[in-house]
Amino acid sequence: MNYVAGISKAIDYVENNLTEDLNFGDIAKQAYFSSFHFQRMFSLLCGISLGDYIRERRLSEAGREIVGSAVKIIDVAVKYGYDSPDAFTRAFTRFHGLTPTEARKNGKVKTFLRLSLKLTVSGGSLMEYKIVKTGAIRVLVKRKEFKKRQELTATDISAFWAQCKESGVTQKLIDSFPENPQLKGLLGISFTGEGDAVSFPYGIGVEYDGKKPVPDGLEVVEIPAGTYAVFPVKGSMPDAFIKAYTKICKEFFVQSGYEYADSAEIEVYPSENASDPDYYCEIWVAVK
């Protein structure tokens, strides 16, 4: 897959629908990605999140219309998705440094140009990974639905982990840890092949061997057999994780010939001591 061409097509879709109610899942489909994978790939390749890109392009175009036409400011606000004049004025002022009325008077606004991607040769550094084929994997898990039409951020996932720890879910999972798992640690699982048109589940869990009863509030889910690219992550978190995932997107997928497979993406955390400067974890990405 030409990832740059796919993201460029998605950018074209965004630009052609800036004044419409953009759905993150629909945008991702233009590049033949799941919403989860597209948002990560977009952010790492483009240097800006998809949500921020849409907001800044809309405010840039709104500013251009305000200084270049006699259209009512309230009509411009509605056109670019703002339900109230106050919300539009706050967002406009943060972006342009002056209110819409002031911009119309003096004709000064900022411009945020549309993205244009070009393929550049990168690499030249070692990237450690292995390809693993697995049978079906049963996991004991606590899942939460995340909306595809919204932007999924690291903050959302971190909050879910904190919630599970505070509520005792994490301890239940640790107490249920099997004797000899293939995935040796607590798991953060993005079930990218599941869900419906508007949402997909993310879960925190452990591999399950069926020897212990399922605790209240948890469920057993089977991840289908598949092929995974397994990447070791070494170093202080979250910087080491971000660095590793950046290389996965910018180097592995662009150059290896592998593509994302909509099944699951699994983060394997052998311990909770993520502050250790020599911390080790793994990223398992379903590929084809």
C-alpha atoms as a PDB file:
ATOM      1  CA  MET A   1       0.000   0.000   0.000  1.00  0.00           C
ATOM      2  CA  ASN A   2       1.198   3.539  -0.767  1.00  0.00           C
ATOM      3  CA  TYR A   3       0.541   5.128   2.612  1.00  0.00           C
ATOM      4  CA  VAL A   4       1.344   8.643   1.423  1.00  0.00           C
ATOM      5  CA  ALA A   5      -1.150   8.314  -1.443  1.00  0.00           C
ATOM      6  CA  GLY A   6      -3.792   6.974   0.946  1.00  0.00           C
ATOM      7  CA  ILE A   7      -3.392   9.819   3.417  1.00  0.00           C
ATOM      8  CA  SER A   8      -3.324  12.342   0.559  1.00  0.00           C
ATOM      9  CA  LYS A   9      -6.661  10.980  -0.640  1.00  0.00           C
ATOM     10  CA  ALA A  10      -8.051  11.353   2.875  1.00  0.00           C
ATOM     11  CA  ILE A  11      -6.800  14.946   3.018  1.00  0.00           C
ATOM     12  CA  ASP A  12      -8.586  15.629  -0.290  1.00  0.00           C
ATOM     13  CA  TYR A  13     -11.778  14.262   1.268  1.00  0.00           C
ATOM     14  CA  VAL A  14     -11.382  16.534   4.300  1.00  0.00           C
ATOM     15  CA  GLU A  15     -10.754  19.571   2.106  1.00  0.00           C
ATOM     16  CA  ASN A  16     -13.785  18.826  -0.081  1.00  0.00           C
ATOM     17  CA  ASN A  17     -15.992  18.492   3.008  1.00  0.00           C
ATOM     18  CA  LEU A  18     -14.667  21.138   5.405  1.00  0.00           C
ATOM     19  CA  THR A  19     -18.125  22.625   5.848  1.00  0.00           C
ATOM     20  CA  GLU A  20     -19.766  19.228   6.431  1.00  0.00           C
ATOM     21  CA  ASP A  21     -20.058  17.106   9.577  1.00  0.00           C
ATOM     22  CA  LEU A  22     -16.845  15.128   9.141  1.00  0.00           C
ATOM     23  CA  ASN A  23     -16.751  11.603  10.537  1.00  0.00           C
ATOM     24  CA  PHE A  24     -13.336  10.226  11.507  1.00  0.00           C
ATOM     25  CA  GLY A  25     -14.318   6.742  10.344  1.00  0.00           C
ATOM     26  CA  ASP A  26     -15.372   8.026   6.914  1.00  0.00           C
ATOM     27  CA  ILE A  27     -12.099   9.941   6.569  1.00  0.00           C
ATOM     28  CA  ALA A  28     -10.088   6.826   7.429  1.00  0.00           C
ATOM     29  CA  LYS A  29     -11.947   4.796   4.804  1.00  0.00           C
ATOM     30  CA  GLN A  30     -10.549   7.064   2.093  1.00  0.00           C
ATOM     31  CA  ALA A  31      -7.085   5.703   2.945  1.00  0.00           C
ATOM     32  CA  TYR A  32      -8.352   2.121   3.514  1.00  0.00           C
ATOM     33  CA  PHE A  33      -7.475   2.274   7.227  1.00  0.00           C
ATOM     34  CA  SER A  34      -9.393   1.638  10.387  1.00  0.00           C
ATOM     35  CA  SER A  35     -10.152   4.872  12.240  1.00  0.00           C
ATOM     36  CA  PHE A  36      -7.723   3.898  15.016  1.00  0.00           C
ATOM     37  CA  HIS A  37      -4.790   3.194  12.700  1.00  0.00           C
ATOM     38  CA  PHE A  38      -5.477   6.181  10.465  1.00  0.00           C
ATOM     39  CA  GLN A  39      -5.459   8.680  13.317  1.00  0.00           C
ATOM     40  CA  ARG A  40      -2.115   7.365  14.570  1.00  0.00           C
ATOM     41  CA  MET A  41      -0.559   7.242  11.106  1.00  0.00           C
ATOM     42  CA  PHE A  42      -1.854  10.722  10.222  1.00  0.00           C
ATOM     43  CA  SER A  43      -0.505  12.283  13.396  1.00  0.00           C
ATOM     44  CA  LEU A  44       2.938  10.722  13.076  1.00  0.00           C
ATOM     45  CA  LEU A  45       3.402  11.366   9.349  1.00  0.00           C
ATOM     46  CA  CYS A  46       1.879  14.853   9.324  1.00  0.00           C
ATOM     47  CA  GLY A  47       3.014  16.184  12.692  1.00  0.00           C
ATOM     48  CA  ILE A  48      -0.501  17.259  13.691  1.00  0.00           C
ATOM     49  CA  SER A  49      -3.537  15.345  14.894  1.00  0.00           C
ATOM     50  CA  LEU A  50      -6.447  14.871  12.506  1.00  0.00           C
ATOM     51  CA  GLY A  51      -8.780  16.834  14.790  1.00  0.00           C
ATOM     52  CA  ASP A  52      -6.382  19.769  15.047  1.00  0.00           C
ATOM     53  CA  TYR A  53      -5.878  19.792  11.293  1.00  0.00           C
ATOM     54  CA  ILE A  54      -9.618  20.001  10.636  1.00  0.00           C
ATOM     55  CA  ARG A  55     -10.121  22.733  13.244  1.00  0.00           C
ATOM     56  CA  GLU A  56      -7.243  24.874  11.982  1.00  0.00           C
ATOM     57  CA  ARG A  57      -8.223  24.519   8.330  1.00  0.00           C
ATOM     58  CA  ARG A  58     -11.800  25.519   9.141  1.00  0.00           C
ATOM     59  CA  LEU A  59     -10.712  28.562  11.140  1.00  0.00           C
ATOM     60  CA  SER A  60      -8.260  29.548   8.400  1.00  0.00           C
ATOM     61  CA  GLU A  61     -10.983  29.384   5.757  1.00  0.00           C
ATOM     62  CA  ALA A  62     -13.438  31.185   8.039  1.00  0.00           C
ATOM     63  CA  GLY A  63     -10.947  34.021   8.445  1.00  0.00           C
ATOM     64  CA  ARG A  64     -10.445  34.247   4.691  1.00  0.00           C
ATOM     65  CA  GLU A  65     -14.199  34.547   4.128  1.00  0.00           C
ATOM     66  CA  ILE A  66     -14.664  37.145   6.853  1.00  0.00           C
ATOM     67  CA  VAL A  67     -12.035  39.525   5.442  1.00  0.00           C
ATOM     68  CA  GLY A  68     -12.822  38.762   1.802  1.00  0.00           C
ATOM     69  CA  SER A  69     -16.602  38.991   1.712  1.00  0.00           C
ATOM     70  CA  ALA A  70     -19.626  40.690   3.242  1.00  0.00           C
ATOM     71  CA  VAL A  71     -21.148  37.430   4.514  1.00  0.00           C
ATOM     72  CA  LYS A  72     -22.543  37.777   8.034  1.00  0.00           C
ATOM     73  CA  ILE A  73     -20.159  36.528  10.711  1.00  0.00           C
ATOM     74  CA  ILE A  74     -22.857  34.325  12.233  1.00  0.00           C
ATOM     75  CA  ASP A  75     -23.373  32.659   8.847  1.00  0.00           C
ATOM     76  CA  VAL A  76     -19.651  31.961   8.561  1.00  0.00           C
ATOM     77  CA  ALA A  77     -19.689  30.475  12.062  1.00  0.00           C
ATOM     78  CA  VAL A  78     -22.549  28.113  11.211  1.00  0.00           C
ATOM     79  CA  LYS A  79     -20.953  27.188   7.888  1.00  0.00           C
ATOM     80  CA  TYR A  80     -17.816  25.947   9.635  1.00  0.00           C
ATOM     81  CA  GLY A  81     -19.599  23.960  12.311  1.00  0.00           C
ATOM     82  CA  TYR A  82     -20.016  26.312  15.278  1.00  0.00           C
ATOM     83  CA  ASP A  83     -23.359  26.211  17.050  1.00  0.00           C
ATOM     84  CA  SER A  84     -23.076  29.605  18.751  1.00  0.00           C
ATOM     85  CA  PRO A  85     -21.454  32.979  18.031  1.00  0.00           C
ATOM     86  CA  ASP A  86     -19.618  32.843  21.372  1.00  0.00           C
ATOM     87  CA  ALA A  87     -18.013  29.466  20.636  1.00  0.00           C
ATOM     88  CA  PHE A  88     -16.940  30.673  17.204  1.00  0.00           C
ATOM     89  CA  THR A  89     -15.537  33.936  18.566  1.00  0.00           C
ATOM     90  CA  ARG A  90     -13.495  32.105  21.227  1.00  0.00           C
ATOM     91  CA  ALA A  91     -12.035  29.631  18.729  1.00  0.00           C
ATOM     92  CA  PHE A  92     -11.441  32.326  16.112  1.00  0.00           C
ATOM     93  CA  THR A  93      -9.661  34.585  18.613  1.00  0.00           C
ATOM     94  CA  ARG A  94      -7.413  31.770  19.850  1.00  0.00           C
ATOM     95  CA  PHE A  95      -6.373  30.975  16.287  1.00  0.00           C
ATOM     96  CA  HIS A  96      -6.147  34.433  14.676  1.00  0.00           C
ATOM     97  CA  GLY A  97      -5.304  36.557  17.734  1.00  0.00           C
ATOM     98  CA  LEU A  98      -8.287  38.880  17.238  1.00  0.00           C
ATOM     99  CA  THR A  99     -12.067  38.639  17.102  1.00  0.00           C
ATOM    100  CA  PRO A 100     -14.013  38.106  13.879  1.00  0.00           C
ATOM    101  CA  THR A 101     -15.272  41.714  14.055  1.00  0.00           C
ATOM    102  CA  GLU A 102     -11.733  43.045  14.481  1.00  0.00           C
ATOM    103  CA  ALA A 103     -10.527  40.894  11.602  1.00  0.00           C
ATOM    104  CA  ARG A 104     -13.201  42.286   9.299  1.00  0.00           C
ATOM    105  CA  LYS A 105     -12.209  45.838  10.222  1.00  0.00           C
ATOM    106  CA  ASN A 106      -8.455  45.560   9.682  1.00  0.00           C
ATOM    107  CA  GLY A 107      -8.276  42.629   7.247  1.00  0.00           C
ATOM    108  CA  LYS A 108      -5.574  40.755   9.154  1.00  0.00           C
ATOM    109  CA  VAL A 109      -5.943  37.002   9.660  1.00  0.00           C
ATOM    110  CA  LYS A 110      -3.649  33.999   9.843  1.00  0.00           C
ATOM    111  CA  THR A 111      -3.534  31.282   7.192  1.00  0.00           C
ATOM    112  CA  PHE A 112      -3.148  27.546   7.779  1.00  0.00           C
ATOM    113  CA  LEU A 113      -2.476  25.925   4.405  1.00  0.00           C
ATOM    114  CA  ARG A 114      -3.733  22.476   3.439  1.00  0.00           C
ATOM    115  CA  LEU A 115      -1.275  19.644   3.848  1.00  0.00           C
ATOM    116  CA  SER A 116       0.577  18.272   0.858  1.00  0.00           C
ATOM    117  CA  LEU A 117       2.516  15.058   1.469  1.00  0.00           C
ATOM    118  CA  LYS A 118       5.549  13.846  -0.416  1.00  0.00           C
ATOM    119  CA  LEU A 119       7.363  10.553  -0.026  1.00  0.00           C
ATOM    120  CA  THR A 120      10.897  10.951   1.328  1.00  0.00           C
ATOM    121  CA  VAL A 121      13.485   8.233   1.780  1.00  0.00           C
ATOM    122  CA  SER A 122      14.105   7.490   5.461  1.00  0.00           C
ATOM    123  CA  GLY A 123      15.707   4.747   7.487  1.00  0.00           C
ATOM    124  CA  GLY A 124      19.378   4.006   7.762  1.00  0.00           C
ATOM    125  CA  SER A 125      18.919   2.863  11.359  1.00  0.00           C
ATOM    126  CA  LEU A 126      18.323  -0.550  12.880  1.00  0.00           C
ATOM    127  CA  MET A 127      14.737  -1.532  13.616  1.00  0.00           C
ATOM    128  CA  GLU A 128      14.265  -4.691  15.623  1.00  0.00           C
ATOM    129  CA  TYR A 129      11.123  -6.750  15.096  1.00  0.00           C
ATOM    130  CA  LYS A 130       9.941 -10.294  14.532  1.00  0.00           C
ATOM    131  CA  ILE A 131       7.001 -11.791  12.655  1.00  0.00           C
ATOM    132  CA  VAL A 132       4.890 -14.154  14.749  1.00  0.00           C
ATOM    133  CA  LYS A 133       2.001 -16.317  13.594  1.00  0.00           C
ATOM    134  CA  THR A 134      -0.449 -17.203  16.338  1.00  0.00           C
ATOM    135  CA  GLY A 135      -3.500 -19.310  16.800  1.00  0.00           C
ATOM    136  CA  ALA A 136      -6.595 -17.772  18.362  1.00  0.00           C
ATOM    137  CA  ILE A 137      -5.762 -16.007  21.628  1.00  0.00           C
ATOM    138  CA  ARG A 138      -8.280 -15.882  24.482  1.00  0.00           C
ATOM    139  CA  VAL A 139      -8.039 -12.849  26.726  1.00  0.00           C
ATOM    140  CA  LEU A 140      -9.729 -11.844  29.968  1.00  0.00           C
ATOM    141  CA  VAL A 141     -10.529  -8.202  29.535  1.00  0.00           C
ATOM    142  CA  LYS A 142     -12.319  -5.037  30.575  1.00  0.00           C
ATOM    143  CA  ARG A 143     -13.479  -3.204  27.455  1.00  0.00           C
ATOM    144  CA  LYS A 144     -14.686   0.287  26.694  1.00  0.00           C
ATOM    145  CA  GLU A 145     -16.264   1.583  23.496  1.00  0.00           C
ATOM    146  CA  PHE A 146     -14.573   4.535  21.785  1.00  0.00           C
ATOM    147  CA  LYS A 147     -16.431   6.515  19.151  1.00  0.00           C
ATOM    148  CA  LYS A 148     -15.034   6.354  15.608  1.00  0.00           C
ATOM    149  CA  ARG A 149     -16.431   9.741  14.741  1.00  0.00           C
ATOM    150  CA  GLN A 150     -14.359  11.330  17.512  1.00  0.00           C
ATOM    151  CA  GLU A 151     -10.639  11.761  17.894  1.00  0.00           C
ATOM    152  CA  LEU A 152      -8.971   9.067  19.981  1.00  0.00           C
ATOM    153  CA  THR A 153      -6.122  10.497  22.036  1.00  0.00           C
ATOM    154  CA  ALA A 154      -3.486   9.083  24.363  1.00  0.00           C
ATOM    155  CA  THR A 155      -5.260  10.983  27.141  1.00  0.00           C
ATOM    156  CA  ASP A 156      -8.439   8.950  26.579  1.00  0.00           C
ATOM    157  CA  ILE A 157      -6.545   5.668  26.873  1.00  0.00           C
ATOM    158  CA  SER A 158      -4.528   6.827  29.899  1.00  0.00           C
ATOM    159  CA  ALA A 159      -7.717   7.846  31.693  1.00  0.00           C
ATOM    160  CA  PHE A 160      -9.203   4.391  31.083  1.00  0.00           C
ATOM    161  CA  TRP A 161      -6.078   2.709  32.525  1.00  0.00           C
ATOM    162  CA  ALA A 162      -6.238   4.977  35.584  1.00  0.00           C
ATOM    163  CA  GLN A 163      -9.934   4.209  36.043  1.00  0.00           C
ATOM    164  CA  CYS A 164      -9.293   0.462  35.903  1.00  0.00           C
ATOM    165  CA  LYS A 165      -6.493   0.723  38.459  1.00  0.00           C
ATOM    166  CA  GLU A 166      -8.548   2.827  40.876  1.00  0.00           C
ATOM    167  CA  SER A 167     -11.597   0.558  40.619  1.00  0.00           C
ATOM    168  CA  GLY A 168      -9.629  -2.634  41.286  1.00  0.00           C
ATOM    169  CA  VAL A 169     -10.000  -4.049  37.764  1.00  0.00           C
ATOM    170  CA  THR A 170      -6.235  -4.108  37.201  1.00  0.00           C
ATOM    171  CA  GLN A 171      -5.692  -6.146  40.368  1.00  0.00           C
ATOM    172  CA  LYS A 172      -8.384  -8.628  39.294  1.00  0.00           C
ATOM    173  CA  LEU A 173      -6.520  -9.093  36.022  1.00  0.00           C
ATOM    174  CA  ILE A 174      -3.174  -9.550  37.774  1.00  0.00           C
ATOM    175  CA  ASP A 175      -4.740 -12.150  40.089  1.00  0.00           C
ATOM    176  CA  SER A 176      -6.025 -14.023  37.011  1.00  0.00           C
ATOM    177  CA  PHE A 177      -2.646 -14.115  35.240  1.00  0.00           C
ATOM    178  CA  PRO A 178      -2.051 -17.599  33.723  1.00  0.00           C
ATOM    179  CA  GLU A 179       1.032 -19.736  34.348  1.00  0.00           C
ATOM    180  CA  ASN A 180       2.643 -19.708  30.895  1.00  0.00           C
ATOM    181  CA  PRO A 181       1.073 -17.087  28.605  1.00  0.00           C
ATOM    182  CA  GLN A 182       2.278 -16.230  25.123  1.00  0.00           C
ATOM    183  CA  LEU A 183       1.623 -12.553  25.873  1.00  0.00           C
ATOM    184  CA  LYS A 184       3.623 -12.074  29.048  1.00  0.00           C
ATOM    185  CA  GLY A 185       2.092  -9.069  30.773  1.00  0.00           C
ATOM    186  CA  LEU A 186      -0.869  -6.771  31.165  1.00  0.00           C
ATOM    187  CA  LEU A 187      -2.375  -6.073  27.766  1.00  0.00           C
ATOM    188  CA  GLY A 188      -3.738  -2.929  26.143  1.00  0.00           C
ATOM    189  CA  ILE A 189      -5.804  -4.188  23.219  1.00  0.00           C
ATOM    190  CA  SER A 190      -7.296  -2.175  20.379  1.00  0.00           C
ATOM    191  CA  PHE A 191      -9.925  -4.435  18.798  1.00  0.00           C
ATOM    192  CA  THR A 192      -9.659  -2.698  15.435  1.00  0.00           C
ATOM    193  CA  GLY A 193     -11.490  -5.473  13.593  1.00  0.00           C
ATOM    194  CA  GLU A 194     -14.568  -5.245  15.796  1.00  0.00           C
ATOM    195  CA  GLY A 195     -17.211  -2.657  16.498  1.00  0.00           C
ATOM    196  CA  ASP A 196     -19.741  -1.125  14.178  1.00  0.00           C
ATOM    197  CA  ALA A 197     -19.940   1.960  12.009  1.00  0.00           C
ATOM    198  CA  VAL A 198     -19.604   4.348  14.933  1.00  0.00           C
ATOM    199  CA  SER A 199     -17.405   2.712  17.578  1.00  0.00           C
ATOM    200  CA  PHE A 200     -14.739   0.139  18.362  1.00  0.00           C
ATOM    201  CA  PRO A 201     -13.668  -1.418  21.675  1.00  0.00           C
ATOM    202  CA  TYR A 202     -10.377  -0.945  23.520  1.00  0.00           C
ATOM    203  CA  GLY A 203      -9.593  -3.298  26.357  1.00  0.00           C
ATOM    204  CA  ILE A 204      -7.219  -3.879  29.252  1.00  0.00           C
ATOM    205  CA  GLY A 205      -6.627  -7.526  30.014  1.00  0.00           C
ATOM    206  CA  VAL A 206      -4.455 -10.606  30.315  1.00  0.00           C
ATOM    207  CA  GLU A 207      -4.242 -13.848  28.378  1.00  0.00           C
ATOM    208  CA  TYR A 208      -6.799 -16.373  29.679  1.00  0.00           C
ATOM    209  CA  ASP A 209      -6.339 -20.130  30.018  1.00  0.00           C
ATOM    210  CA  GLY A 210      -9.761 -20.951  31.457  1.00  0.00           C
ATOM    211  CA  LYS A 211      -8.424 -22.353  34.728  1.00  0.00           C
ATOM    212  CA  LYS A 212      -9.884 -19.617  36.938  1.00  0.00           C
ATOM    213  CA  PRO A 213     -13.453 -18.264  37.053  1.00  0.00           C
ATOM    214  CA  VAL A 214     -14.168 -15.018  35.245  1.00  0.00           C
ATOM    215  CA  PRO A 215     -14.341 -12.170  37.801  1.00  0.00           C
ATOM    216  CA  ASP A 216     -17.395  -9.910  37.878  1.00  0.00           C
ATOM    217  CA  GLY A 217     -17.211  -7.044  35.393  1.00  0.00           C
ATOM    218  CA  LEU A 218     -14.776  -8.804  33.061  1.00  0.00           C
ATOM    219  CA  GLU A 219     -15.329 -10.867  29.931  1.00  0.00           C
ATOM    220  CA  VAL A 220     -13.461 -13.435  27.852  1.00  0.00           C
ATOM    221  CA  VAL A 221     -12.817 -12.435  24.246  1.00  0.00           C
ATOM    222  CA  GLU A 222     -11.140 -14.491  21.535  1.00  0.00           C
ATOM    223  CA  ILE A 223      -8.743 -12.709  19.193  1.00  0.00           C
ATOM    224  CA  PRO A 224      -8.663 -14.583  15.850  1.00  0.00           C
ATOM    225  CA  ALA A 225      -5.549 -16.381  14.643  1.00  0.00           C
ATOM    226  CA  GLY A 226      -3.288 -14.075  12.711  1.00  0.00           C
ATOM    227  CA  THR A 227       0.144 -12.735  11.890  1.00  0.00           C
ATOM    228  CA  TYR A 228       1.783 -10.082  14.056  1.00  0.00           C
ATOM    229  CA  ALA A 229       4.783  -7.834  13.704  1.00  0.00           C
ATOM    230  CA  VAL A 230       6.230  -7.675  17.218  1.00  0.00           C
ATOM    231  CA  PHE A 231       8.318  -4.633  18.151  1.00  0.00           C
ATOM    232  CA  PRO A 232      10.328  -4.388  21.393  1.00  0.00           C
ATOM    233  CA  VAL A 233      10.172  -1.041  23.171  1.00  0.00           C
ATOM    234  CA  LYS A 234      13.020  -0.185  25.527  1.00  0.00           C
ATOM    235  CA  GLY A 235      13.435   2.937  27.622  1.00  0.00           C
ATOM    236  CA  SER A 236      11.564   5.485  29.697  1.00  0.00           C
ATOM    237  CA  MET A 237       7.817   5.720  29.059  1.00  0.00           C
ATOM    238  CA  PRO A 238       5.984   7.253  27.312  1.00  0.00           C
ATOM    239  CA  ASP A 239       8.836   8.670  25.206  1.00  0.00           C
ATOM    240  CA  ALA A 240      10.202   5.260  24.202  1.00  0.00           C
ATOM    241  CA  PHE A 241       6.742   4.083  23.161  1.00  0.00           C
ATOM    242  CA  ILE A 242       6.117   7.191  21.049  1.00  0.00           C
ATOM    243  CA  LYS A 243       9.530   6.872  19.406  1.00  0.00           C
ATOM    244  CA  ALA A 244       8.950   3.194  18.600  1.00  0.00           C
ATOM    245  CA  TYR A 245       5.492   3.768  17.164  1.00  0.00           C
ATOM    246  CA  THR A 246       6.787   6.645  15.052  1.00  0.00           C
ATOM    247  CA  LYS A 247       9.361   4.313  13.491  1.00  0.00           C
ATOM    248  CA  ILE A 248       6.672   1.671  12.925  1.00  0.00           C
ATOM    249  CA  CYS A 249       4.572   4.146  10.942  1.00  0.00           C
ATOM    250  CA  LYS A 250       7.329   6.027   9.144  1.00  0.00           C
ATOM    251  CA  GLU A 251       9.691   3.164   8.392  1.00  0.00           C
ATOM    252  CA  PHE A 252       8.244  -0.331   8.880  1.00  0.00           C
ATOM    253  CA  PHE A 253       4.931   0.121   7.073  1.00  0.00           C
ATOM    254  CA  VAL A 254       6.280   2.454   4.405  1.00  0.00           C
ATOM    255  CA  GLN A 255       9.172   0.154   3.467  1.00  0.00           C
ATOM    256  CA  SER A 256       8.412  -3.424   4.540  1.00  0.00           C
ATOM    257  CA  GLY A 257       5.541  -4.366   2.242  1.00  0.00           C
ATOM    258  CA  TYR A 258       3.338  -5.298   5.193  1.00  0.00           C
ATOM    259  CA  GLU A 259      -0.047  -3.669   5.766  1.00  0.00           C
ATOM    260  CA  TYR A 260      -2.290  -3.312   8.787  1.00  0.00           C
ATOM    261  CA  ALA A 261      -4.715  -6.202   9.267  1.00  0.00           C
ATOM    262  CA  ASP A 262      -7.972  -5.254  10.951  1.00  0.00           C
ATOM    263  CA  SER A 263      -7.859  -7.661  13.854  1.00  0.00           C
ATOM    264  CA  ALA A 264      -6.086  -6.315  16.924  1.00  0.00           C
ATOM    265  CA  GLU A 265      -3.183  -4.242  18.118  1.00  0.00           C
ATOM    266  CA  ILE A 266      -1.766  -5.335  21.445  1.00  0.00           C
ATOM    267  CA  GLU A 267       0.530  -3.542  23.870  1.00  0.00           C
ATOM    268  CA  VAL A 268       2.221  -5.981  26.274  1.00  0.00           C
ATOM    269  CA  TYR A 269       3.379  -4.528  29.606  1.00  0.00           C
ATOM    270  CA  PRO A 270       5.385  -7.015  31.747  1.00  0.00           C
ATOM    271  CA  SER A 271       5.237  -4.724  34.801  1.00  0.00           C
ATOM    272  CA  GLU A 272       3.598  -1.511  35.998  1.00  0.00           C
ATOM    273  CA  ASN A 273       6.954   0.147  36.717  1.00  0.00           C
ATOM    274  CA  ALA A 274       6.846   2.310  33.606  1.00  0.00           C
ATOM    275  CA  SER A 275       9.051   4.966  35.259  1.00  0.00           C
ATOM    276  CA  ASP A 276      12.074   2.635  35.025  1.00  0.00           C
ATOM    277  CA  PRO A 277      14.532   4.173  32.487  1.00  0.00           C
ATOM    278  CA  ASP A 278      15.234   0.623  31.256  1.00  0.00           C
ATOM    279  CA  TYR A 279      11.561  -0.355  31.021  1.00  0.00           C
ATOM    280  CA  TYR A 280      10.679  -3.018  28.429  1.00  0.00           C
ATOM    281  CA  CYS A 281       7.370  -3.665  26.697  1.00  0.00           C
ATOM    282  CA  GLU A 282       6.189  -4.888  23.294  1.00  0.00           C
ATOM    283  CA  ILE A 283       3.841  -3.716  20.546  1.00  0.00           C
ATOM    284  CA  TRP A 284       2.076  -6.491  18.626  1.00  0.00           C
ATOM    285  CA  VAL A 285       0.528  -5.207  15.391  1.00  0.00           C
ATOM    286  CA  ALA A 286      -1.689  -7.479  13.286  1.00  0.00           C
ATOM    287  CA  VAL A 287      -0.353  -7.422   9.709  1.00  0.00           C
ATOM    288  CA  LYS A 288      -0.912  -8.953   6.321  1.00  0.00           C
END
